[in-house]
Amino acid sequence: MKIIIAGTDRTEEMLRAIETRARTFAPVSKYSPQDSALALRSAANPDEFAERFHALLRHHRAINTDSLDAPRRPGAIGAVIYMAKQLMWRLLRHQHHRVTGQQNAINELLTAAMDLHRDATRRKIESLEKRISELEAELSRLRPEERR
């Protein structure tokens, strides 16, 4: 496709301008790629997976309550629909914030509970491994005739 303005081929110039303008509309994530759930795929073992999962859970535990920019259609109908969306958001914002506030509190509590449970399980496993090592050392010290 060529862009011709006043009989002059301006395809390259317009293409650069359009690409530059399009980049300003590209969504910008406030999270890095390692904060994505896709990062779980690169876990080498179940322990690493669990670590990454808990880190992601702590990082993404809150619901974002920022206002959303509702896209709008061109024309008069688009303007009317856009204004209706804005009105509905103004009317429902209070209820939305109440629900998301409650959900954020629940998410925080569940995340903290999961972290506590994981830490308690780790401590228990470490103490059991230590006890097994002690029992194995004691067993190896027994005389061969006392072993069963």
N, C-alpha and C. Protein backbone atom coordinates (compact mmCIF):
# COMPACT_ATOMS: atom_id res chain seq x y z
N MET A 1 0.85 -1.17 0.00
CA MET A 1 0.00 0.00 0.00
C MET A 1 0.90 1.24 0.00
N LYS A 2 0.49 2.22 -0.75
CA LYS A 2 1.24 3.48 -0.82
C LYS A 2 0.35 4.61 -0.33
N ILE A 3 1.00 5.57 0.31
CA ILE A 3 0.29 6.78 0.75
C ILE A 3 0.80 7.92 -0.13
N ILE A 4 -0.11 8.45 -0.95
CA ILE A 4 0.26 9.52 -1.87
C ILE A 4 -0.51 10.77 -1.46
N ILE A 5 0.25 11.83 -1.18
CA ILE A 5 -0.36 13.10 -0.78
C ILE A 5 0.11 14.16 -1.78
N ALA A 6 -0.85 14.82 -2.39
CA ALA A 6 -0.58 15.87 -3.39
C ALA A 6 0.36 15.35 -4.47
N GLY A 7 0.14 14.10 -4.89
CA GLY A 7 0.92 13.54 -5.97
C GLY A 7 2.30 13.07 -5.57
N THR A 8 2.65 13.12 -4.28
CA THR A 8 3.97 12.71 -3.81
C THR A 8 3.83 11.45 -2.94
N ASP A 9 4.67 10.46 -3.19
CA ASP A 9 4.66 9.24 -2.39
C ASP A 9 5.29 9.53 -1.03
N ARG A 10 4.46 9.49 0.02
CA ARG A 10 4.94 9.79 1.37
C ARG A 10 4.76 8.59 2.29
N THR A 11 4.83 7.39 1.71
CA THR A 11 4.59 6.16 2.46
C THR A 11 5.56 6.01 3.63
N GLU A 12 6.85 6.12 3.38
CA GLU A 12 7.86 5.92 4.43
C GLU A 12 7.70 6.93 5.55
N GLU A 13 7.51 8.19 5.20
CA GLU A 13 7.37 9.24 6.20
C GLU A 13 6.12 9.01 7.06
N MET A 14 5.02 8.70 6.41
CA MET A 14 3.77 8.47 7.14
C MET A 14 3.84 7.20 7.98
N LEU A 15 4.51 6.17 7.45
CA LEU A 15 4.65 4.92 8.18
C LEU A 15 5.41 5.14 9.48
N ARG A 16 6.51 5.90 9.43
CA ARG A 16 7.26 6.20 10.64
C ARG A 16 6.42 6.99 11.63
N ALA A 17 5.65 7.96 11.15
CA ALA A 17 4.80 8.76 12.03
C ALA A 17 3.71 7.89 12.67
N ILE A 18 3.13 7.01 11.87
CA ILE A 18 2.07 6.13 12.40
C ILE A 18 2.64 5.17 13.43
N GLU A 19 3.82 4.59 13.15
CA GLU A 19 4.44 3.67 14.10
C GLU A 19 4.79 4.37 15.41
N THR A 20 5.31 5.58 15.31
CA THR A 20 5.64 6.35 16.51
C THR A 20 4.39 6.63 17.33
N ARG A 21 3.33 7.03 16.66
CA ARG A 21 2.06 7.32 17.35
C ARG A 21 1.46 6.05 17.94
N ALA A 22 1.57 4.93 17.23
CA ALA A 22 1.02 3.66 17.72
C ALA A 22 1.73 3.20 18.99
N ARG A 23 3.05 3.45 19.07
CA ARG A 23 3.78 3.06 20.27
C ARG A 23 3.28 3.80 21.51
N THR A 24 2.78 5.01 21.34
CA THR A 24 2.27 5.75 22.50
C THR A 24 0.98 5.12 23.01
N PHE A 25 0.28 4.37 22.16
CA PHE A 25 -0.96 3.71 22.58
C PHE A 25 -0.73 2.30 23.09
N ALA A 26 0.49 1.79 22.94
CA ALA A 26 0.77 0.42 23.37
C ALA A 26 0.61 0.33 24.88
N PRO A 27 -0.01 -0.75 25.36
CA PRO A 27 -0.18 -0.89 26.80
C PRO A 27 1.18 -1.03 27.50
N VAL A 28 1.33 -0.32 28.58
CA VAL A 28 2.56 -0.38 29.35
C VAL A 28 2.25 -1.09 30.65
N SER A 29 2.92 -2.19 30.88
CA SER A 29 2.70 -2.96 32.09
C SER A 29 3.57 -2.40 33.20
N LYS A 30 3.00 -2.32 34.39
CA LYS A 30 3.81 -1.88 35.52
C LYS A 30 4.52 -3.07 36.16
N TYR A 31 4.32 -4.25 35.57
CA TYR A 31 4.96 -5.45 36.07
C TYR A 31 6.03 -5.92 35.10
N SER A 32 7.08 -6.46 35.63
CA SER A 32 8.14 -6.99 34.78
C SER A 32 7.77 -8.40 34.32
N PRO A 33 8.44 -8.94 33.31
CA PRO A 33 8.09 -10.28 32.81
C PRO A 33 8.18 -11.36 33.88
N GLN A 34 9.10 -11.23 34.84
CA GLN A 34 9.17 -12.24 35.89
C GLN A 34 8.01 -12.16 36.86
N ASP A 35 7.20 -11.09 36.78
CA ASP A 35 6.00 -10.97 37.61
C ASP A 35 4.79 -11.57 36.92
N SER A 36 4.98 -12.15 35.77
CA SER A 36 3.88 -12.76 35.03
C SER A 36 3.75 -14.22 35.44
N ALA A 37 2.54 -14.74 35.35
CA ALA A 37 2.31 -16.15 35.65
C ALA A 37 3.07 -17.04 34.68
N LEU A 38 3.43 -16.52 33.52
CA LEU A 38 4.21 -17.30 32.55
C LEU A 38 5.59 -17.64 33.09
N ALA A 39 6.05 -16.90 34.09
CA ALA A 39 7.36 -17.18 34.68
C ALA A 39 7.36 -18.52 35.42
N LEU A 40 6.19 -19.03 35.75
CA LEU A 40 6.10 -20.31 36.44
C LEU A 40 6.58 -21.46 35.55
N ARG A 41 6.48 -21.27 34.23
CA ARG A 41 6.88 -22.33 33.30
C ARG A 41 8.36 -22.64 33.38
N SER A 42 9.17 -21.68 33.78
CA SER A 42 10.61 -21.88 33.79
C SER A 42 11.11 -22.47 35.11
N ALA A 43 10.21 -22.83 36.01
CA ALA A 43 10.64 -23.42 37.28
C ALA A 43 11.27 -24.78 37.02
N ALA A 44 12.42 -25.03 37.64
CA ALA A 44 13.16 -26.26 37.39
C ALA A 44 12.63 -27.44 38.21
N ASN A 45 12.00 -27.15 39.35
CA ASN A 45 11.51 -28.23 40.20
C ASN A 45 10.30 -27.73 41.00
N PRO A 46 9.60 -28.62 41.69
CA PRO A 46 8.41 -28.20 42.43
C PRO A 46 8.67 -27.14 43.51
N ASP A 47 9.85 -27.22 44.14
CA ASP A 47 10.17 -26.23 45.17
C ASP A 47 10.31 -24.83 44.57
N GLU A 48 11.00 -24.76 43.43
CA GLU A 48 11.16 -23.47 42.76
C GLU A 48 9.82 -22.95 42.26
N PHE A 49 8.98 -23.85 41.77
CA PHE A 49 7.63 -23.47 41.34
C PHE A 49 6.85 -22.87 42.51
N ALA A 50 6.90 -23.53 43.65
CA ALA A 50 6.17 -23.04 44.83
C ALA A 50 6.70 -21.67 45.26
N GLU A 51 8.03 -21.50 45.23
CA GLU A 51 8.60 -20.20 45.59
C GLU A 51 8.11 -19.10 44.66
N ARG A 52 8.18 -19.37 43.37
CA ARG A 52 7.74 -18.37 42.39
C ARG A 52 6.23 -18.10 42.52
N PHE A 53 5.47 -19.16 42.74
CA PHE A 53 4.02 -19.00 42.90
C PHE A 53 3.70 -18.11 44.09
N HIS A 54 4.35 -18.35 45.21
CA HIS A 54 4.10 -17.52 46.40
C HIS A 54 4.54 -16.08 46.18
N ALA A 55 5.64 -15.89 45.47
CA ALA A 55 6.08 -14.52 45.17
C ALA A 55 5.06 -13.81 44.28
N LEU A 56 4.55 -14.52 43.27
CA LEU A 56 3.52 -13.93 42.40
C LEU A 56 2.25 -13.63 43.18
N LEU A 57 1.89 -14.54 44.05
CA LEU A 57 0.68 -14.35 44.85
C LEU A 57 0.80 -13.12 45.73
N ARG A 58 1.96 -12.95 46.36
CA ARG A 58 2.16 -11.75 47.18
C ARG A 58 2.15 -10.48 46.33
N HIS A 59 2.69 -10.59 45.13
CA HIS A 59 2.80 -9.41 44.26
C HIS A 59 1.44 -9.00 43.67
N HIS A 60 0.59 -9.96 43.37
CA HIS A 60 -0.68 -9.69 42.69
C HIS A 60 -1.90 -9.88 43.58
N ARG A 61 -1.76 -9.72 44.88
CA ARG A 61 -2.87 -10.06 45.78
C ARG A 61 -3.97 -8.99 45.82
N ALA A 62 -3.71 -7.79 45.35
CA ALA A 62 -4.68 -6.71 45.46
C ALA A 62 -5.38 -6.45 44.13
N ILE A 63 -6.64 -6.09 44.22
CA ILE A 63 -7.41 -5.71 43.04
C ILE A 63 -7.18 -4.23 42.79
N ASN A 64 -6.88 -3.90 41.56
CA ASN A 64 -6.65 -2.51 41.19
C ASN A 64 -7.99 -1.79 41.10
N THR A 65 -8.13 -0.70 41.84
CA THR A 65 -9.39 0.04 41.82
C THR A 65 -9.29 1.36 41.08
N ASP A 66 -8.23 1.51 40.30
CA ASP A 66 -8.11 2.72 39.49
C ASP A 66 -9.24 2.77 38.48
N SER A 67 -9.61 3.98 38.11
CA SER A 67 -10.65 4.13 37.10
C SER A 67 -10.18 3.55 35.77
N LEU A 68 -11.09 2.90 35.10
CA LEU A 68 -10.77 2.32 33.80
C LEU A 68 -11.16 3.30 32.72
N ASP A 69 -10.34 3.38 31.71
CA ASP A 69 -10.66 4.22 30.58
C ASP A 69 -11.51 3.41 29.61
N ALA A 70 -12.78 3.75 29.51
CA ALA A 70 -13.68 3.03 28.63
C ALA A 70 -13.46 3.48 27.19
N PRO A 71 -13.17 2.55 26.30
CA PRO A 71 -12.99 2.96 24.90
C PRO A 71 -14.30 3.48 24.32
N ARG A 72 -14.21 4.34 23.36
CA ARG A 72 -15.44 4.90 22.80
C ARG A 72 -15.46 4.76 21.30
N ARG A 73 -16.64 4.58 20.81
CA ARG A 73 -16.85 4.50 19.37
C ARG A 73 -16.87 5.90 18.78
N PRO A 74 -16.56 6.01 17.52
CA PRO A 74 -16.65 7.32 16.89
C PRO A 74 -18.12 7.70 16.66
N GLY A 75 -18.35 8.96 16.54
CA GLY A 75 -19.68 9.44 16.19
C GLY A 75 -20.54 9.78 17.39
N ALA A 76 -21.78 10.19 17.09
CA ALA A 76 -22.72 10.63 18.13
C ALA A 76 -23.13 9.47 19.02
N ILE A 77 -23.37 8.30 18.43
CA ILE A 77 -23.77 7.14 19.24
C ILE A 77 -22.64 6.77 20.19
N GLY A 78 -21.42 6.83 19.71
CA GLY A 78 -20.27 6.54 20.56
C GLY A 78 -20.17 7.51 21.72
N ALA A 79 -20.43 8.77 21.48
CA ALA A 79 -20.39 9.77 22.55
C ALA A 79 -21.47 9.51 23.59
N VAL A 80 -22.66 9.15 23.15
CA VAL A 80 -23.76 8.87 24.08
C VAL A 80 -23.44 7.64 24.92
N ILE A 81 -22.94 6.59 24.28
CA ILE A 81 -22.59 5.37 25.02
C ILE A 81 -21.47 5.66 26.01
N TYR A 82 -20.49 6.44 25.61
CA TYR A 82 -19.38 6.80 26.48
C TYR A 82 -19.88 7.57 27.70
N MET A 83 -20.77 8.52 27.49
CA MET A 83 -21.31 9.28 28.63
C MET A 83 -22.13 8.37 29.54
N ALA A 84 -22.86 7.42 28.96
CA ALA A 84 -23.63 6.48 29.78
C ALA A 84 -22.70 5.61 30.63
N LYS A 85 -21.58 5.18 30.04
CA LYS A 85 -20.61 4.40 30.79
C LYS A 85 -20.02 5.21 31.94
N GLN A 86 -19.72 6.47 31.66
CA GLN A 86 -19.17 7.33 32.71
C GLN A 86 -20.19 7.52 33.84
N LEU A 87 -21.45 7.72 33.48
CA LEU A 87 -22.50 7.87 34.49
C LEU A 87 -22.64 6.61 35.32
N MET A 88 -22.66 5.44 34.66
CA MET A 88 -22.77 4.18 35.41
C MET A 88 -21.59 4.00 36.35
N TRP A 89 -20.38 4.36 35.89
CA TRP A 89 -19.22 4.22 36.75
C TRP A 89 -19.33 5.13 37.97
N ARG A 90 -19.79 6.36 37.77
CA ARG A 90 -19.97 7.28 38.91
C ARG A 90 -20.98 6.73 39.90
N LEU A 91 -22.05 6.12 39.39
CA LEU A 91 -23.09 5.58 40.26
C LEU A 91 -22.62 4.32 41.00
N LEU A 92 -21.83 3.51 40.36
CA LEU A 92 -21.44 2.22 40.93
C LEU A 92 -20.07 2.22 41.61
N ARG A 93 -19.36 3.32 41.51
CA ARG A 93 -17.99 3.38 42.04
C ARG A 93 -17.93 3.05 43.53
N HIS A 94 -18.85 3.60 44.32
CA HIS A 94 -18.83 3.37 45.76
C HIS A 94 -18.98 1.88 46.06
N GLN A 95 -19.96 1.23 45.43
CA GLN A 95 -20.16 -0.20 45.66
C GLN A 95 -18.95 -1.01 45.17
N HIS A 96 -18.42 -0.60 44.05
CA HIS A 96 -17.25 -1.29 43.50
C HIS A 96 -16.08 -1.21 44.48
N HIS A 97 -15.83 -0.04 45.04
CA HIS A 97 -14.72 0.13 45.97
C HIS A 97 -14.96 -0.65 47.26
N ARG A 98 -16.20 -0.74 47.70
CA ARG A 98 -16.49 -1.53 48.90
C ARG A 98 -16.17 -3.00 48.67
N VAL A 99 -16.64 -3.52 47.55
CA VAL A 99 -16.42 -4.94 47.25
C VAL A 99 -14.93 -5.22 47.04
N THR A 100 -14.26 -4.37 46.29
CA THR A 100 -12.84 -4.62 46.04
C THR A 100 -12.02 -4.44 47.32
N GLY A 101 -12.42 -3.54 48.19
CA GLY A 101 -11.74 -3.39 49.48
C GLY A 101 -11.87 -4.65 50.31
N GLN A 102 -13.07 -5.22 50.35
CA GLN A 102 -13.27 -6.47 51.08
C GLN A 102 -12.46 -7.60 50.45
N GLN A 103 -12.47 -7.67 49.13
CA GLN A 103 -11.73 -8.73 48.45
C GLN A 103 -10.22 -8.57 48.67
N ASN A 104 -9.73 -7.33 48.67
CA ASN A 104 -8.31 -7.11 48.94
C ASN A 104 -7.95 -7.57 50.35
N ALA A 105 -8.82 -7.31 51.33
CA ALA A 105 -8.56 -7.76 52.70
C ALA A 105 -8.53 -9.28 52.78
N ILE A 106 -9.46 -9.93 52.10
CA ILE A 106 -9.48 -11.40 52.08
C ILE A 106 -8.22 -11.93 51.40
N ASN A 107 -7.85 -11.33 50.29
CA ASN A 107 -6.64 -11.77 49.58
C ASN A 107 -5.40 -11.63 50.47
N GLU A 108 -5.31 -10.52 51.20
CA GLU A 108 -4.18 -10.30 52.10
C GLU A 108 -4.14 -11.38 53.18
N LEU A 109 -5.30 -11.67 53.79
CA LEU A 109 -5.34 -12.67 54.85
C LEU A 109 -5.00 -14.07 54.33
N LEU A 110 -5.55 -14.43 53.19
CA LEU A 110 -5.25 -15.74 52.62
C LEU A 110 -3.79 -15.88 52.23
N THR A 111 -3.22 -14.82 51.68
CA THR A 111 -1.80 -14.85 51.32
C THR A 111 -0.95 -15.01 52.57
N ALA A 112 -1.26 -14.27 53.61
CA ALA A 112 -0.51 -14.37 54.86
C ALA A 112 -0.66 -15.78 55.46
N ALA A 113 -1.87 -16.32 55.42
CA ALA A 113 -2.10 -17.67 55.95
C ALA A 113 -1.31 -18.71 55.16
N MET A 114 -1.29 -18.57 53.84
CA MET A 114 -0.52 -19.51 53.02
C MET A 114 0.97 -19.40 53.33
N ASP A 115 1.47 -18.19 53.51
CA ASP A 115 2.88 -18.01 53.85
C ASP A 115 3.21 -18.65 55.20
N LEU A 116 2.33 -18.43 56.19
CA LEU A 116 2.55 -19.03 57.52
C LEU A 116 2.52 -20.55 57.44
N HIS A 117 1.56 -21.09 56.69
CA HIS A 117 1.46 -22.54 56.54
C HIS A 117 2.69 -23.10 55.85
N ARG A 118 3.16 -22.44 54.82
CA ARG A 118 4.36 -22.90 54.11
C ARG A 118 5.57 -22.88 55.03
N ASP A 119 5.72 -21.80 55.81
CA ASP A 119 6.85 -21.71 56.73
C ASP A 119 6.77 -22.77 57.83
N ALA A 120 5.58 -23.01 58.37
CA ALA A 120 5.40 -24.04 59.39
C ALA A 120 5.70 -25.42 58.82
N THR A 121 5.28 -25.67 57.60
CA THR A 121 5.55 -26.96 56.96
C THR A 121 7.05 -27.13 56.74
N ARG A 122 7.73 -26.09 56.32
CA ARG A 122 9.19 -26.17 56.15
C ARG A 122 9.89 -26.49 57.46
N ARG A 123 9.47 -25.79 58.54
CA ARG A 123 10.08 -26.05 59.84
C ARG A 123 9.85 -27.49 60.28
N LYS A 124 8.64 -27.98 60.07
CA LYS A 124 8.30 -29.36 60.45
C LYS A 124 9.14 -30.35 59.65
N ILE A 125 9.28 -30.13 58.35
CA ILE A 125 10.09 -31.02 57.52
C ILE A 125 11.54 -31.00 57.97
N GLU A 126 12.06 -29.82 58.27
CA GLU A 126 13.45 -29.72 58.73
C GLU A 126 13.65 -30.46 60.04
N SER A 127 12.68 -30.33 60.96
CA SER A 127 12.83 -31.03 62.25
C SER A 127 12.73 -32.54 62.05
N LEU A 128 11.85 -33.00 61.15
CA LEU A 128 11.74 -34.43 60.88
C LEU A 128 13.01 -34.96 60.21
N GLU A 129 13.58 -34.20 59.28
CA GLU A 129 14.82 -34.63 58.65
C GLU A 129 15.95 -34.70 59.66
N LYS A 130 15.99 -33.76 60.59
CA LYS A 130 17.01 -33.77 61.64
C LYS A 130 16.83 -34.99 62.53
N ARG A 131 15.58 -35.28 62.88
CA ARG A 131 15.29 -36.44 63.74
C ARG A 131 15.66 -37.75 63.03
N ILE A 132 15.37 -37.84 61.75
CA ILE A 132 15.73 -39.04 60.99
C ILE A 132 17.25 -39.21 60.97
N SER A 133 17.97 -38.11 60.77
CA SER A 133 19.45 -38.18 60.78
C SER A 133 19.97 -38.66 62.12
N GLU A 134 19.37 -38.15 63.21
CA GLU A 134 19.78 -38.57 64.55
C GLU A 134 19.51 -40.05 64.75
N LEU A 135 18.34 -40.51 64.33
CA LEU A 135 18.00 -41.93 64.49
C LEU A 135 18.92 -42.82 63.64
N GLU A 136 19.24 -42.38 62.43
CA GLU A 136 20.15 -43.16 61.59
C GLU A 136 21.55 -43.22 62.21
N ALA A 137 22.00 -42.09 62.79
CA ALA A 137 23.31 -42.09 63.45
C ALA A 137 23.30 -43.01 64.66
N GLU A 138 22.22 -42.99 65.42
CA GLU A 138 22.10 -43.87 66.58
C GLU A 138 22.06 -45.34 66.15
N LEU A 139 21.35 -45.61 65.09
CA LEU A 139 21.26 -46.97 64.57
C LEU A 139 22.61 -47.47 64.09
N SER A 140 23.38 -46.60 63.46
CA SER A 140 24.70 -47.03 62.97
C SER A 140 25.68 -47.29 64.12
N ARG A 141 25.45 -46.69 65.28
CA ARG A 141 26.32 -46.91 66.43
C ARG A 141 26.02 -48.21 67.15
N LEU A 142 24.83 -48.76 66.95
CA LEU A 142 24.47 -50.02 67.60
C LEU A 142 25.35 -51.15 67.10
N ARG A 143 25.57 -52.08 67.94
CA ARG A 143 26.35 -53.25 67.52
C ARG A 143 25.52 -54.06 66.55
N PRO A 144 26.17 -54.76 65.67
CA PRO A 144 25.45 -55.54 64.67
C PRO A 144 24.49 -56.56 65.28
N GLU A 145 24.82 -57.15 66.42
CA GLU A 145 23.92 -58.14 67.01
C GLU A 145 22.67 -57.51 67.61
N GLU A 146 22.72 -56.19 67.93
CA GLU A 146 21.54 -55.52 68.51
C GLU A 146 20.59 -55.00 67.42
N ARG A 147 21.04 -55.01 66.20
CA ARG A 147 20.17 -54.54 65.11
C ARG A 147 19.11 -55.59 64.82
N ARG A 148 18.00 -55.17 64.38
CA ARG A 148 16.94 -56.10 64.02
C ARG A 148 16.87 -56.29 62.54
